Amino acid sequence: MAYYRKYKEETVTRTLHYMRAQIIREGLDGLEHVEALLGLRGENSQHVPKPQPKNRFKASRLKWIVMDALREGPKRGRDVAGYVAERAPQLTSEDAYKRTYMCLSRMKRAGTVGRDGMVWKLIVDNSDVVSRLR
């Protein structure tokens, strides 16, 4: 006897949308079949907006928040993450922690911040430059 795992409705719908996009992109046959299946599921296949993640920052916004936190003085990573979480309510505290450490690592490679034990600090504080870029 074969075992079949039941798929979630959302998974099937997303798969059909993916197949529709691939058929259109590559000029393949079968578009009318996929659109018929989407129609049977009550989906509008003509326009499907791409879902936007809710925990995204605009370009370099996280970097500026981290720099603001460190401009007040050296801080431990979790203190910087707390500062980020306060200013980015769309993030969970866990996401803020992860993203802050990824940002600090990128900034360290770029030479913007340094780490002394558990404490992070700005290497060069260009407060006047940062203020003008906002």
N, C-alpha and C. Protein backbone atom coordinates (compact mmCIF):
# COMPACT_ATOMS: atom_id res chain seq x y z
N MET A 1 0.84 -1.18 0.00
CA MET A 1 0.00 0.00 0.00
C MET A 1 0.89 1.24 0.00
N ALA A 2 0.61 2.15 -0.88
CA ALA A 2 1.42 3.36 -1.01
C ALA A 2 0.94 4.42 -0.03
N TYR A 3 1.88 5.20 0.45
CA TYR A 3 1.56 6.30 1.36
C TYR A 3 1.71 7.61 0.61
N TYR A 4 0.69 8.42 0.64
CA TYR A 4 0.73 9.72 -0.01
C TYR A 4 0.56 10.80 1.04
N ARG A 5 1.51 11.69 1.09
CA ARG A 5 1.43 12.80 2.02
C ARG A 5 0.51 13.87 1.44
N LYS A 6 -0.40 14.36 2.22
CA LYS A 6 -1.33 15.38 1.76
C LYS A 6 -0.59 16.72 1.68
N TYR A 7 -0.74 17.38 0.55
CA TYR A 7 -0.11 18.69 0.37
C TYR A 7 -1.02 19.78 0.89
N LYS A 8 -0.43 20.85 1.39
CA LYS A 8 -1.20 22.00 1.83
C LYS A 8 -1.77 22.70 0.60
N GLU A 9 -2.92 23.30 0.76
CA GLU A 9 -3.55 24.04 -0.34
C GLU A 9 -2.62 25.14 -0.85
N GLU A 10 -1.96 25.82 0.07
CA GLU A 10 -1.06 26.91 -0.29
C GLU A 10 0.09 26.41 -1.15
N THR A 11 0.60 25.22 -0.85
CA THR A 11 1.70 24.65 -1.62
C THR A 11 1.27 24.36 -3.06
N VAL A 12 0.09 23.80 -3.22
CA VAL A 12 -0.42 23.49 -4.55
C VAL A 12 -0.61 24.78 -5.35
N THR A 13 -1.20 25.79 -4.72
CA THR A 13 -1.44 27.07 -5.41
C THR A 13 -0.12 27.72 -5.82
N ARG A 14 0.85 27.74 -4.92
CA ARG A 14 2.15 28.34 -5.25
C ARG A 14 2.83 27.58 -6.39
N THR A 15 2.70 26.27 -6.37
CA THR A 15 3.30 25.45 -7.43
C THR A 15 2.67 25.77 -8.78
N LEU A 16 1.35 25.91 -8.80
CA LEU A 16 0.67 26.26 -10.05
C LEU A 16 1.11 27.64 -10.55
N HIS A 17 1.24 28.60 -9.64
CA HIS A 17 1.71 29.94 -10.04
C HIS A 17 3.14 29.87 -10.58
N TYR A 18 3.98 29.05 -9.94
CA TYR A 18 5.35 28.89 -10.41
C TYR A 18 5.37 28.27 -11.81
N MET A 19 4.53 27.24 -12.00
CA MET A 19 4.46 26.59 -13.32
C MET A 19 3.98 27.57 -14.38
N ARG A 20 2.99 28.40 -14.03
CA ARG A 20 2.47 29.40 -14.97
C ARG A 20 3.57 30.37 -15.37
N ALA A 21 4.33 30.85 -14.38
CA ALA A 21 5.42 31.78 -14.67
C ALA A 21 6.48 31.13 -15.55
N GLN A 22 6.81 29.89 -15.28
CA GLN A 22 7.82 29.18 -16.08
C GLN A 22 7.34 28.97 -17.51
N ILE A 23 6.05 28.61 -17.68
CA ILE A 23 5.50 28.42 -19.02
C ILE A 23 5.55 29.71 -19.82
N ILE A 24 5.18 30.83 -19.17
CA ILE A 24 5.20 32.13 -19.85
C ILE A 24 6.64 32.51 -20.18
N ARG A 25 7.54 32.36 -19.22
CA ARG A 25 8.93 32.77 -19.39
C ARG A 25 9.62 31.99 -20.51
N GLU A 26 9.34 30.70 -20.59
CA GLU A 26 10.05 29.84 -21.55
C GLU A 26 9.24 29.54 -22.80
N GLY A 27 8.02 30.09 -22.88
CA GLY A 27 7.19 29.90 -24.07
C GLY A 27 6.75 28.46 -24.27
N LEU A 28 6.47 27.76 -23.20
CA LEU A 28 6.08 26.35 -23.28
C LEU A 28 4.57 26.20 -23.49
N ASP A 29 4.15 24.99 -23.80
CA ASP A 29 2.73 24.68 -23.95
C ASP A 29 2.12 24.37 -22.59
N GLY A 30 0.79 24.53 -22.50
CA GLY A 30 0.07 24.12 -21.30
C GLY A 30 -0.42 25.26 -20.44
N LEU A 31 -0.26 26.48 -20.90
CA LEU A 31 -0.67 27.63 -20.10
C LEU A 31 -2.16 27.58 -19.79
N GLU A 32 -2.97 27.22 -20.80
CA GLU A 32 -4.42 27.20 -20.58
C GLU A 32 -4.81 26.16 -19.53
N HIS A 33 -4.07 25.07 -19.43
CA HIS A 33 -4.37 24.04 -18.44
C HIS A 33 -4.06 24.53 -17.02
N VAL A 34 -2.92 25.17 -16.88
CA VAL A 34 -2.54 25.68 -15.56
C VAL A 34 -3.51 26.78 -15.13
N GLU A 35 -3.88 27.66 -16.07
CA GLU A 35 -4.83 28.72 -15.73
C GLU A 35 -6.19 28.15 -15.39
N ALA A 36 -6.59 27.05 -16.05
CA ALA A 36 -7.86 26.40 -15.72
C ALA A 36 -7.82 25.83 -14.30
N LEU A 37 -6.70 25.21 -13.94
CA LEU A 37 -6.57 24.67 -12.58
C LEU A 37 -6.59 25.80 -11.55
N LEU A 38 -5.91 26.90 -11.85
CA LEU A 38 -5.95 28.05 -10.94
C LEU A 38 -7.37 28.59 -10.82
N GLY A 39 -8.08 28.64 -11.94
CA GLY A 39 -9.46 29.10 -11.92
C GLY A 39 -10.35 28.21 -11.07
N LEU A 40 -10.15 26.90 -11.15
CA LEU A 40 -10.92 25.96 -10.32
C LEU A 40 -10.64 26.15 -8.83
N ARG A 41 -9.44 26.62 -8.53
CA ARG A 41 -9.06 26.87 -7.14
C ARG A 41 -9.48 28.26 -6.67
N GLY A 42 -10.10 29.06 -7.58
CA GLY A 42 -10.54 30.40 -7.21
C GLY A 42 -9.45 31.44 -7.22
N GLU A 43 -8.39 31.18 -7.95
CA GLU A 43 -7.25 32.11 -8.02
C GLU A 43 -7.32 32.93 -9.29
N ASN A 44 -6.99 34.20 -9.20
CA ASN A 44 -6.90 35.06 -10.36
C ASN A 44 -5.51 34.90 -10.95
N SER A 45 -5.43 34.26 -12.10
CA SER A 45 -4.12 33.97 -12.68
C SER A 45 -3.58 35.13 -13.51
N GLN A 46 -4.37 36.17 -13.74
CA GLN A 46 -3.93 37.27 -14.58
C GLN A 46 -2.86 38.12 -13.90
N HIS A 47 -3.06 38.42 -12.64
CA HIS A 47 -2.09 39.26 -11.94
C HIS A 47 -1.86 38.69 -10.54
N VAL A 48 -0.67 38.23 -10.31
CA VAL A 48 -0.32 37.70 -9.00
C VAL A 48 0.83 38.53 -8.46
N PRO A 49 0.57 39.40 -7.48
CA PRO A 49 1.65 40.21 -6.94
C PRO A 49 2.66 39.36 -6.18
N LYS A 50 3.91 39.74 -6.32
CA LYS A 50 4.96 39.02 -5.60
C LYS A 50 4.89 39.42 -4.13
N PRO A 51 4.78 38.45 -3.23
CA PRO A 51 4.68 38.79 -1.81
C PRO A 51 5.98 39.44 -1.32
N GLN A 52 5.84 40.50 -0.57
CA GLN A 52 6.99 41.20 -0.03
C GLN A 52 7.21 40.76 1.42
N PRO A 53 8.42 40.35 1.76
CA PRO A 53 8.69 39.99 3.15
C PRO A 53 8.46 41.18 4.07
N LYS A 54 7.91 40.90 5.24
CA LYS A 54 7.58 41.98 6.17
C LYS A 54 8.77 42.42 7.00
N ASN A 55 9.82 41.65 6.99
CA ASN A 55 10.96 41.99 7.85
C ASN A 55 12.14 42.52 7.05
N ARG A 56 11.87 43.21 5.96
CA ARG A 56 12.93 43.76 5.12
C ARG A 56 13.23 45.20 5.50
N PHE A 57 14.46 45.59 5.26
CA PHE A 57 14.88 46.97 5.43
C PHE A 57 15.08 47.59 4.06
N LYS A 58 14.92 48.88 3.98
CA LYS A 58 15.31 49.56 2.75
C LYS A 58 16.83 49.52 2.70
N ALA A 59 17.37 49.84 1.54
CA ALA A 59 18.81 49.72 1.32
C ALA A 59 19.62 50.38 2.43
N SER A 60 20.49 49.64 3.03
CA SER A 60 21.46 50.04 4.06
C SER A 60 20.84 50.65 5.32
N ARG A 61 19.54 50.50 5.54
CA ARG A 61 18.90 51.05 6.74
C ARG A 61 19.45 50.37 8.00
N LEU A 62 19.63 49.05 7.95
CA LEU A 62 20.15 48.34 9.12
C LEU A 62 21.55 48.83 9.47
N LYS A 63 22.36 49.07 8.45
CA LYS A 63 23.72 49.55 8.70
C LYS A 63 23.69 50.89 9.43
N TRP A 64 22.77 51.78 9.04
CA TRP A 64 22.68 53.09 9.69
C TRP A 64 22.21 52.95 11.13
N ILE A 65 21.29 52.04 11.39
CA ILE A 65 20.82 51.83 12.76
C ILE A 65 21.97 51.31 13.63
N VAL A 66 22.74 50.37 13.10
CA VAL A 66 23.88 49.83 13.85
C VAL A 66 24.91 50.93 14.09
N MET A 67 25.17 51.76 13.09
CA MET A 67 26.13 52.85 13.27
C MET A 67 25.63 53.85 14.31
N ASP A 68 24.32 54.13 14.31
CA ASP A 68 23.76 55.02 15.34
C ASP A 68 23.99 54.45 16.73
N ALA A 69 23.78 53.15 16.87
CA ALA A 69 23.97 52.51 18.17
C ALA A 69 25.42 52.63 18.63
N LEU A 70 26.35 52.42 17.71
CA LEU A 70 27.77 52.43 18.08
C LEU A 70 28.33 53.85 18.19
N ARG A 71 27.65 54.82 17.62
CA ARG A 71 28.11 56.20 17.76
C ARG A 71 27.97 56.68 19.20
N GLU A 72 27.06 56.08 19.95
CA GLU A 72 26.90 56.43 21.36
C GLU A 72 28.04 55.88 22.21
N GLY A 73 28.81 54.97 21.64
CA GLY A 73 29.94 54.38 22.35
C GLY A 73 29.98 52.89 22.10
N PRO A 74 31.08 52.23 22.51
CA PRO A 74 31.21 50.79 22.31
C PRO A 74 30.09 50.03 23.02
N LYS A 75 29.62 48.97 22.38
CA LYS A 75 28.54 48.17 22.95
C LYS A 75 28.77 46.69 22.65
N ARG A 76 28.18 45.85 23.51
CA ARG A 76 28.18 44.42 23.22
C ARG A 76 27.19 44.16 22.10
N GLY A 77 27.37 43.04 21.40
CA GLY A 77 26.51 42.71 20.27
C GLY A 77 25.05 42.64 20.63
N ARG A 78 24.72 42.07 21.78
CA ARG A 78 23.31 41.96 22.15
C ARG A 78 22.71 43.32 22.48
N ASP A 79 23.53 44.26 22.95
CA ASP A 79 23.02 45.62 23.19
C ASP A 79 22.72 46.32 21.86
N VAL A 80 23.57 46.10 20.87
CA VAL A 80 23.32 46.65 19.53
C VAL A 80 22.06 46.02 18.95
N ALA A 81 21.90 44.71 19.13
CA ALA A 81 20.70 44.02 18.64
C ALA A 81 19.45 44.56 19.32
N GLY A 82 19.53 44.85 20.60
CA GLY A 82 18.39 45.46 21.31
C GLY A 82 18.06 46.82 20.75
N TYR A 83 19.08 47.60 20.44
CA TYR A 83 18.89 48.93 19.83
C TYR A 83 18.19 48.78 18.48
N VAL A 84 18.62 47.80 17.70
CA VAL A 84 18.01 47.54 16.39
C VAL A 84 16.55 47.11 16.57
N ALA A 85 16.29 46.22 17.52
CA ALA A 85 14.93 45.72 17.74
C ALA A 85 13.98 46.86 18.13
N GLU A 86 14.48 47.83 18.90
CA GLU A 86 13.64 48.98 19.29
C GLU A 86 13.26 49.83 18.09
N ARG A 87 14.17 49.95 17.14
CA ARG A 87 13.94 50.82 16.00
C ARG A 87 13.37 50.10 14.78
N ALA A 88 13.22 48.80 14.88
CA ALA A 88 12.65 48.01 13.77
C ALA A 88 11.59 47.08 14.33
N PRO A 89 10.40 47.60 14.61
CA PRO A 89 9.37 46.78 15.24
C PRO A 89 8.89 45.61 14.37
N GLN A 90 9.19 45.64 13.07
CA GLN A 90 8.75 44.54 12.20
C GLN A 90 9.58 43.29 12.42
N LEU A 91 10.72 43.40 13.10
CA LEU A 91 11.58 42.24 13.36
C LEU A 91 11.29 41.64 14.73
N THR A 92 11.37 40.33 14.79
CA THR A 92 11.33 39.69 16.10
C THR A 92 12.70 39.92 16.75
N SER A 93 12.79 39.71 18.04
CA SER A 93 14.08 39.93 18.70
C SER A 93 15.13 38.95 18.18
N GLU A 94 14.69 37.73 17.83
CA GLU A 94 15.62 36.74 17.28
C GLU A 94 16.14 37.17 15.91
N ASP A 95 15.23 37.67 15.05
CA ASP A 95 15.66 38.17 13.74
C ASP A 95 16.58 39.37 13.88
N ALA A 96 16.26 40.26 14.81
CA ALA A 96 17.11 41.44 15.03
C ALA A 96 18.51 41.00 15.46
N TYR A 97 18.58 40.01 16.32
CA TYR A 97 19.87 39.50 16.80
C TYR A 97 20.69 38.94 15.64
N LYS A 98 20.05 38.07 14.83
CA LYS A 98 20.76 37.44 13.71
C LYS A 98 21.22 38.48 12.70
N ARG A 99 20.31 39.36 12.32
CA ARG A 99 20.65 40.36 11.29
C ARG A 99 21.69 41.35 11.79
N THR A 100 21.64 41.69 13.08
CA THR A 100 22.63 42.61 13.63
C THR A 100 24.02 41.99 13.55
N TYR A 101 24.15 40.73 13.92
CA TYR A 101 25.46 40.09 13.85
C TYR A 101 25.94 39.92 12.42
N MET A 102 25.03 39.64 11.48
CA MET A 102 25.45 39.56 10.07
C MET A 102 25.93 40.93 9.60
N CYS A 103 25.20 41.97 10.00
CA CYS A 103 25.59 43.33 9.60
C CYS A 103 26.93 43.72 10.23
N LEU A 104 27.10 43.40 11.51
CA LEU A 104 28.37 43.71 12.16
C LEU A 104 29.54 42.99 11.49
N SER A 105 29.32 41.76 11.08
CA SER A 105 30.39 41.01 10.39
C SER A 105 30.74 41.66 9.06
N ARG A 106 29.71 42.07 8.30
CA ARG A 106 29.97 42.75 7.02
C ARG A 106 30.71 44.07 7.26
N MET A 107 30.28 44.80 8.28
CA MET A 107 30.91 46.09 8.57
C MET A 107 32.35 45.90 9.05
N LYS A 108 32.60 44.80 9.76
CA LYS A 108 33.97 44.51 10.21
C LYS A 108 34.87 44.23 9.01
N ARG A 109 34.36 43.43 8.05
CA ARG A 109 35.14 43.15 6.84
C ARG A 109 35.40 44.44 6.05
N ALA A 110 34.46 45.37 6.08
CA ALA A 110 34.61 46.62 5.35
C ALA A 110 35.49 47.62 6.11
N GLY A 111 35.80 47.31 7.37
CA GLY A 111 36.65 48.20 8.14
C GLY A 111 35.91 49.33 8.84
N THR A 112 34.61 49.24 8.93
CA THR A 112 33.82 50.29 9.57
C THR A 112 33.78 50.12 11.08
N VAL A 113 33.70 48.85 11.53
CA VAL A 113 33.65 48.58 12.97
C VAL A 113 34.76 47.61 13.33
N GLY A 114 35.05 47.57 14.61
CA GLY A 114 36.03 46.62 15.12
C GLY A 114 35.49 45.95 16.36
N ARG A 115 36.11 44.85 16.72
CA ARG A 115 35.66 44.10 17.89
C ARG A 115 36.81 43.94 18.85
N ASP A 116 36.55 44.27 20.09
CA ASP A 116 37.55 44.11 21.15
C ASP A 116 36.93 43.20 22.20
N GLY A 117 37.21 41.92 22.11
CA GLY A 117 36.56 40.96 23.00
C GLY A 117 35.10 40.83 22.64
N MET A 118 34.23 41.18 23.57
CA MET A 118 32.79 41.11 23.31
C MET A 118 32.20 42.45 22.91
N VAL A 119 33.04 43.47 22.81
CA VAL A 119 32.56 44.83 22.57
C VAL A 119 32.84 45.25 21.13
N TRP A 120 31.81 45.81 20.49
CA TRP A 120 31.93 46.34 19.13
C TRP A 120 32.04 47.85 19.22
N LYS A 121 32.83 48.43 18.32
CA LYS A 121 32.97 49.89 18.29
C LYS A 121 33.23 50.36 16.87
N LEU A 122 32.87 51.61 16.62
CA LEU A 122 33.19 52.22 15.33
C LEU A 122 34.68 52.47 15.27
N ILE A 123 35.27 52.18 14.13
CA ILE A 123 36.70 52.42 13.98
C ILE A 123 36.93 53.89 13.66
N VAL A 124 36.13 54.42 12.73
CA VAL A 124 36.22 55.84 12.39
C VAL A 124 34.83 56.40 12.54
N ASP A 125 34.69 57.41 13.37
CA ASP A 125 33.38 58.03 13.58
C ASP A 125 33.27 59.26 12.70
N ASN A 126 32.65 59.09 11.55
CA ASN A 126 32.42 60.22 10.64
C ASN A 126 31.02 60.77 10.87
N SER A 127 30.77 61.29 12.06
CA SER A 127 29.43 61.75 12.41
C SER A 127 28.91 62.78 11.46
N ASP A 128 29.80 63.71 11.05
CA ASP A 128 29.35 64.75 10.14
C ASP A 128 29.00 64.18 8.77
N VAL A 129 29.74 63.19 8.30
CA VAL A 129 29.44 62.55 7.02
C VAL A 129 28.15 61.77 7.12
N VAL A 130 27.99 61.01 8.20
CA VAL A 130 26.79 60.21 8.40
C VAL A 130 25.56 61.11 8.48
N SER A 131 25.68 62.23 9.18
CA SER A 131 24.54 63.14 9.31
C SER A 131 24.14 63.71 7.96
N ARG A 132 25.10 64.00 7.10
CA ARG A 132 24.78 64.55 5.78
C ARG A 132 24.15 63.53 4.84
N LEU A 133 24.44 62.25 5.06
CA LEU A 133 23.92 61.21 4.17
C LEU A 133 22.47 60.85 4.48
N ARG A 134 21.94 61.27 5.58
CA ARG A 134 20.56 60.90 5.94
C ARG A 134 19.55 61.64 5.15
